[in-house]
Amino acid sequence: MGNGIPDLTGSVVFTDFARDERPQPPIRGVLAYTRIRTDCKLNDFSVIETDYDFGSQSAYYVSLGTDLNQTRLYLGVYSSMNVNDFNRGTVFEIVP
């Protein structure tokens, strides 16, 4: 909805909890986008590669959000699938 990342204008940005390609630890989530189509047909998506080094920790992408003005994009990442594993998450700002 914002225009802070011009290359994503007119796109839908989304996350998936974990990539299917890496069933063995460390598991990684995926951040991606697709262009809006008005003809209701299937559409390809493109992965947004992050340059953060999670090391040997898994990185499950659990949330995606914006600030109140919808000018900044944030990604919530957790290193465990277990919600009882406290204090294992981080929020990252997505910057171009």
N, C-alpha and C. Protein backbone atom coordinates (compact mmCIF):
# COMPACT_ATOMS: atom_id res chain seq x y z
N MET A 1 0.81 -1.18 0.00
CA MET A 1 0.00 0.00 0.00
C MET A 1 0.86 1.25 0.00
N GLY A 2 2.08 1.13 0.50
CA GLY A 2 2.97 2.28 0.50
C GLY A 2 3.78 2.33 -0.78
N ASN A 3 4.70 3.27 -0.83
CA ASN A 3 5.55 3.39 -2.01
C ASN A 3 7.03 3.49 -1.64
N GLY A 4 7.37 3.03 -0.43
CA GLY A 4 8.75 3.08 0.04
C GLY A 4 9.67 2.15 -0.73
N ILE A 5 9.14 1.10 -1.32
CA ILE A 5 9.91 0.17 -2.16
C ILE A 5 9.25 0.20 -3.54
N PRO A 6 9.67 1.11 -4.41
CA PRO A 6 9.00 1.31 -5.70
C PRO A 6 8.86 0.04 -6.54
N ASP A 7 9.82 -0.88 -6.46
CA ASP A 7 9.74 -2.11 -7.26
C ASP A 7 8.57 -3.00 -6.86
N LEU A 8 8.01 -2.79 -5.67
CA LEU A 8 6.89 -3.60 -5.22
C LEU A 8 5.54 -2.92 -5.40
N THR A 9 5.53 -1.70 -5.92
CA THR A 9 4.27 -1.00 -6.14
C THR A 9 3.39 -1.80 -7.09
N GLY A 10 2.14 -2.00 -6.71
CA GLY A 10 1.21 -2.78 -7.53
C GLY A 10 1.32 -4.27 -7.30
N SER A 11 2.02 -4.69 -6.24
CA SER A 11 2.21 -6.11 -5.95
C SER A 11 1.56 -6.47 -4.62
N VAL A 12 1.35 -7.76 -4.45
CA VAL A 12 0.93 -8.31 -3.17
C VAL A 12 2.15 -9.01 -2.58
N VAL A 13 2.56 -8.60 -1.38
CA VAL A 13 3.70 -9.20 -0.71
C VAL A 13 3.16 -10.19 0.32
N PHE A 14 3.79 -11.36 0.39
CA PHE A 14 3.31 -12.39 1.32
C PHE A 14 4.47 -13.23 1.83
N THR A 15 4.21 -13.98 2.88
CA THR A 15 5.21 -14.89 3.43
C THR A 15 4.66 -16.30 3.46
N ASP A 16 5.56 -17.24 3.55
CA ASP A 16 5.20 -18.62 3.85
C ASP A 16 6.06 -19.04 5.04
N PHE A 17 5.48 -19.77 5.93
CA PHE A 17 6.11 -20.17 7.19
C PHE A 17 7.48 -20.83 6.96
N ALA A 18 7.53 -21.77 6.01
CA ALA A 18 8.76 -22.49 5.73
C ALA A 18 8.78 -22.93 4.28
N ARG A 19 9.95 -22.87 3.67
CA ARG A 19 10.10 -23.33 2.29
C ARG A 19 10.03 -24.84 2.24
N ASP A 20 9.38 -25.34 1.22
CA ASP A 20 9.25 -26.77 1.02
C ASP A 20 10.57 -27.38 0.55
N GLU A 21 11.46 -26.56 0.01
CA GLU A 21 12.70 -27.05 -0.59
C GLU A 21 13.72 -27.50 0.44
N ARG A 22 13.57 -27.08 1.71
CA ARG A 22 14.56 -27.36 2.73
C ARG A 22 13.92 -28.10 3.90
N PRO A 23 13.59 -29.38 3.72
CA PRO A 23 12.92 -30.08 4.82
C PRO A 23 13.85 -30.37 5.99
N GLN A 24 15.15 -30.29 5.79
CA GLN A 24 16.11 -30.53 6.87
C GLN A 24 16.54 -29.21 7.49
N PRO A 25 16.77 -29.22 8.80
CA PRO A 25 17.23 -28.00 9.48
C PRO A 25 18.55 -27.51 8.89
N PRO A 26 18.83 -26.23 8.87
CA PRO A 26 17.93 -25.19 9.34
C PRO A 26 16.84 -24.87 8.32
N ILE A 27 15.64 -24.74 8.80
CA ILE A 27 14.49 -24.44 7.94
C ILE A 27 14.38 -22.93 7.77
N ARG A 28 14.00 -22.50 6.58
CA ARG A 28 13.85 -21.08 6.29
C ARG A 28 12.45 -20.81 5.75
N GLY A 29 11.91 -19.65 6.11
CA GLY A 29 10.66 -19.19 5.53
C GLY A 29 10.94 -18.54 4.19
N VAL A 30 9.88 -18.06 3.57
CA VAL A 30 10.04 -17.39 2.28
C VAL A 30 9.23 -16.09 2.29
N LEU A 31 9.82 -15.05 1.74
CA LEU A 31 9.18 -13.76 1.52
C LEU A 31 9.07 -13.60 0.02
N ALA A 32 7.88 -13.30 -0.47
CA ALA A 32 7.67 -13.27 -1.92
C ALA A 32 6.65 -12.20 -2.29
N TYR A 33 6.51 -11.99 -3.60
CA TYR A 33 5.50 -11.05 -4.09
C TYR A 33 4.97 -11.55 -5.42
N THR A 34 3.80 -11.07 -5.75
CA THR A 34 3.21 -11.35 -7.05
C THR A 34 2.52 -10.08 -7.53
N ARG A 35 2.43 -9.92 -8.82
CA ARG A 35 1.74 -8.77 -9.39
C ARG A 35 0.24 -9.03 -9.37
N ILE A 36 -0.51 -7.98 -9.22
CA ILE A 36 -1.97 -8.09 -9.20
C ILE A 36 -2.49 -8.37 -10.60
N ARG A 37 -3.39 -9.34 -10.71
CA ARG A 37 -4.05 -9.66 -11.98
C ARG A 37 -5.54 -9.42 -11.81
N THR A 38 -6.14 -8.83 -12.81
CA THR A 38 -7.58 -8.55 -12.74
C THR A 38 -8.42 -9.62 -13.44
N ASP A 39 -7.76 -10.60 -14.09
CA ASP A 39 -8.51 -11.63 -14.82
C ASP A 39 -8.73 -12.90 -14.01
N CYS A 40 -8.35 -12.90 -12.73
CA CYS A 40 -8.58 -14.01 -11.80
C CYS A 40 -7.90 -15.32 -12.23
N LYS A 41 -6.83 -15.23 -12.98
CA LYS A 41 -6.08 -16.42 -13.38
C LYS A 41 -4.87 -16.59 -12.46
N LEU A 42 -4.34 -17.82 -12.44
CA LEU A 42 -3.16 -18.09 -11.63
C LEU A 42 -2.01 -17.19 -12.06
N ASN A 43 -1.17 -16.87 -11.11
CA ASN A 43 -0.07 -15.96 -11.37
C ASN A 43 1.20 -16.50 -10.73
N ASP A 44 2.33 -16.31 -11.38
CA ASP A 44 3.61 -16.69 -10.79
C ASP A 44 3.97 -15.70 -9.69
N PHE A 45 4.90 -16.11 -8.84
CA PHE A 45 5.39 -15.22 -7.80
C PHE A 45 6.90 -15.18 -7.88
N SER A 46 7.46 -14.16 -7.27
CA SER A 46 8.92 -14.00 -7.21
C SER A 46 9.34 -13.96 -5.76
N VAL A 47 10.43 -14.64 -5.44
CA VAL A 47 10.96 -14.68 -4.08
C VAL A 47 11.81 -13.44 -3.84
N ILE A 48 11.65 -12.85 -2.68
CA ILE A 48 12.49 -11.73 -2.26
C ILE A 48 13.59 -12.33 -1.38
N GLU A 49 14.80 -12.31 -1.87
CA GLU A 49 15.92 -12.88 -1.11
C GLU A 49 16.35 -11.89 -0.03
N THR A 50 16.52 -12.40 1.18
CA THR A 50 17.01 -11.56 2.26
C THR A 50 18.50 -11.80 2.42
N ASP A 51 19.22 -10.78 2.84
CA ASP A 51 20.67 -10.93 2.99
C ASP A 51 21.08 -11.10 4.45
N TYR A 52 20.13 -11.45 5.31
CA TYR A 52 20.46 -11.68 6.71
C TYR A 52 20.95 -13.12 6.88
N ASP A 53 22.03 -13.28 7.62
CA ASP A 53 22.59 -14.61 7.87
C ASP A 53 22.02 -15.16 9.18
N PHE A 54 21.11 -16.11 9.08
CA PHE A 54 20.51 -16.72 10.26
C PHE A 54 21.41 -17.80 10.86
N GLY A 55 22.51 -18.10 10.20
CA GLY A 55 23.44 -19.11 10.70
C GLY A 55 22.81 -20.48 10.71
N SER A 56 23.04 -21.22 11.78
CA SER A 56 22.52 -22.59 11.88
C SER A 56 21.12 -22.65 12.47
N GLN A 57 20.55 -21.48 12.83
CA GLN A 57 19.20 -21.42 13.39
C GLN A 57 18.14 -21.50 12.28
N SER A 58 17.03 -22.16 12.57
CA SER A 58 15.90 -22.12 11.65
C SER A 58 15.29 -20.72 11.70
N ALA A 59 14.60 -20.34 10.64
CA ALA A 59 13.99 -19.01 10.57
C ALA A 59 12.61 -19.16 9.95
N TYR A 60 11.60 -19.30 10.79
CA TYR A 60 10.22 -19.42 10.35
C TYR A 60 9.64 -18.02 10.20
N TYR A 61 9.11 -17.72 9.03
CA TYR A 61 8.53 -16.40 8.78
C TYR A 61 7.09 -16.42 9.25
N VAL A 62 6.84 -15.78 10.39
CA VAL A 62 5.55 -15.92 11.06
C VAL A 62 4.60 -14.75 10.88
N SER A 63 5.09 -13.58 10.48
CA SER A 63 4.18 -12.45 10.30
C SER A 63 4.77 -11.43 9.35
N LEU A 64 3.88 -10.64 8.79
CA LEU A 64 4.26 -9.57 7.88
C LEU A 64 3.35 -8.40 8.21
N GLY A 65 3.93 -7.21 8.35
CA GLY A 65 3.10 -6.07 8.71
C GLY A 65 3.73 -4.76 8.30
N THR A 66 3.01 -3.68 8.60
CA THR A 66 3.47 -2.34 8.26
C THR A 66 3.36 -1.44 9.49
N ASP A 67 3.92 -0.24 9.38
CA ASP A 67 3.71 0.76 10.43
C ASP A 67 2.33 1.38 10.22
N LEU A 68 1.94 2.28 11.11
CA LEU A 68 0.60 2.87 11.03
C LEU A 68 0.35 3.64 9.74
N ASN A 69 1.40 4.23 9.17
CA ASN A 69 1.26 5.00 7.93
C ASN A 69 1.42 4.14 6.69
N GLN A 70 1.66 2.86 6.87
CA GLN A 70 1.88 1.91 5.79
C GLN A 70 3.01 2.36 4.87
N THR A 71 4.07 2.87 5.49
CA THR A 71 5.23 3.30 4.71
C THR A 71 6.44 2.39 4.92
N ARG A 72 6.37 1.50 5.90
CA ARG A 72 7.46 0.57 6.18
C ARG A 72 6.91 -0.84 6.28
N LEU A 73 7.72 -1.80 5.85
CA LEU A 73 7.33 -3.20 5.82
C LEU A 73 8.18 -3.97 6.83
N TYR A 74 7.53 -4.81 7.65
CA TYR A 74 8.22 -5.56 8.69
C TYR A 74 7.94 -7.05 8.56
N LEU A 75 8.96 -7.85 8.86
CA LEU A 75 8.87 -9.31 8.80
C LEU A 75 9.17 -9.87 10.18
N GLY A 76 8.26 -10.68 10.71
CA GLY A 76 8.47 -11.35 11.99
C GLY A 76 9.04 -12.73 11.75
N VAL A 77 10.15 -13.05 12.42
CA VAL A 77 10.84 -14.33 12.24
C VAL A 77 11.02 -14.98 13.61
N TYR A 78 10.76 -16.28 13.68
CA TYR A 78 10.90 -17.03 14.92
C TYR A 78 11.79 -18.24 14.65
N SER A 79 12.62 -18.61 15.59
CA SER A 79 13.56 -19.71 15.35
C SER A 79 13.03 -21.06 15.79
N SER A 80 11.77 -21.12 16.20
CA SER A 80 11.18 -22.37 16.65
C SER A 80 9.73 -22.46 16.18
N MET A 81 9.28 -23.70 15.93
CA MET A 81 7.87 -23.91 15.61
C MET A 81 7.02 -23.98 16.88
N ASN A 82 7.65 -24.11 18.02
CA ASN A 82 6.96 -24.29 19.29
C ASN A 82 6.70 -22.92 19.93
N VAL A 83 5.45 -22.58 20.10
CA VAL A 83 5.11 -21.27 20.68
C VAL A 83 5.49 -21.17 22.16
N ASN A 84 5.79 -22.29 22.79
CA ASN A 84 6.24 -22.27 24.18
C ASN A 84 7.73 -21.98 24.32
N ASP A 85 8.45 -21.90 23.22
CA ASP A 85 9.86 -21.51 23.24
C ASP A 85 9.91 -19.99 23.23
N PHE A 86 9.95 -19.39 24.40
CA PHE A 86 9.85 -17.94 24.52
C PHE A 86 11.13 -17.22 24.08
N ASN A 87 10.94 -15.97 23.66
CA ASN A 87 12.05 -15.05 23.34
C ASN A 87 12.97 -15.58 22.24
N ARG A 88 12.39 -16.15 21.21
CA ARG A 88 13.19 -16.68 20.11
C ARG A 88 12.86 -15.99 18.79
N GLY A 89 12.25 -14.82 18.86
CA GLY A 89 11.83 -14.13 17.65
C GLY A 89 12.47 -12.77 17.48
N THR A 90 12.42 -12.29 16.25
CA THR A 90 12.95 -10.99 15.90
C THR A 90 12.05 -10.37 14.84
N VAL A 91 11.95 -9.05 14.86
CA VAL A 91 11.22 -8.33 13.82
C VAL A 91 12.24 -7.58 12.98
N PHE A 92 12.18 -7.76 11.66
CA PHE A 92 13.09 -7.13 10.73
C PHE A 92 12.33 -6.11 9.89
N GLU A 93 12.96 -4.99 9.59
CA GLU A 93 12.38 -4.06 8.63
C GLU A 93 12.93 -4.43 7.25
N ILE A 94 12.04 -4.51 6.27
CA ILE A 94 12.44 -4.81 4.90
C ILE A 94 12.79 -3.48 4.23
N VAL A 95 14.03 -3.34 3.82
CA VAL A 95 14.48 -2.12 3.16
C VAL A 95 15.06 -2.48 1.80
N PRO A 96 14.86 -1.58 0.82
CA PRO A 96 15.38 -1.89 -0.52
C PRO A 96 16.90 -1.87 -0.57
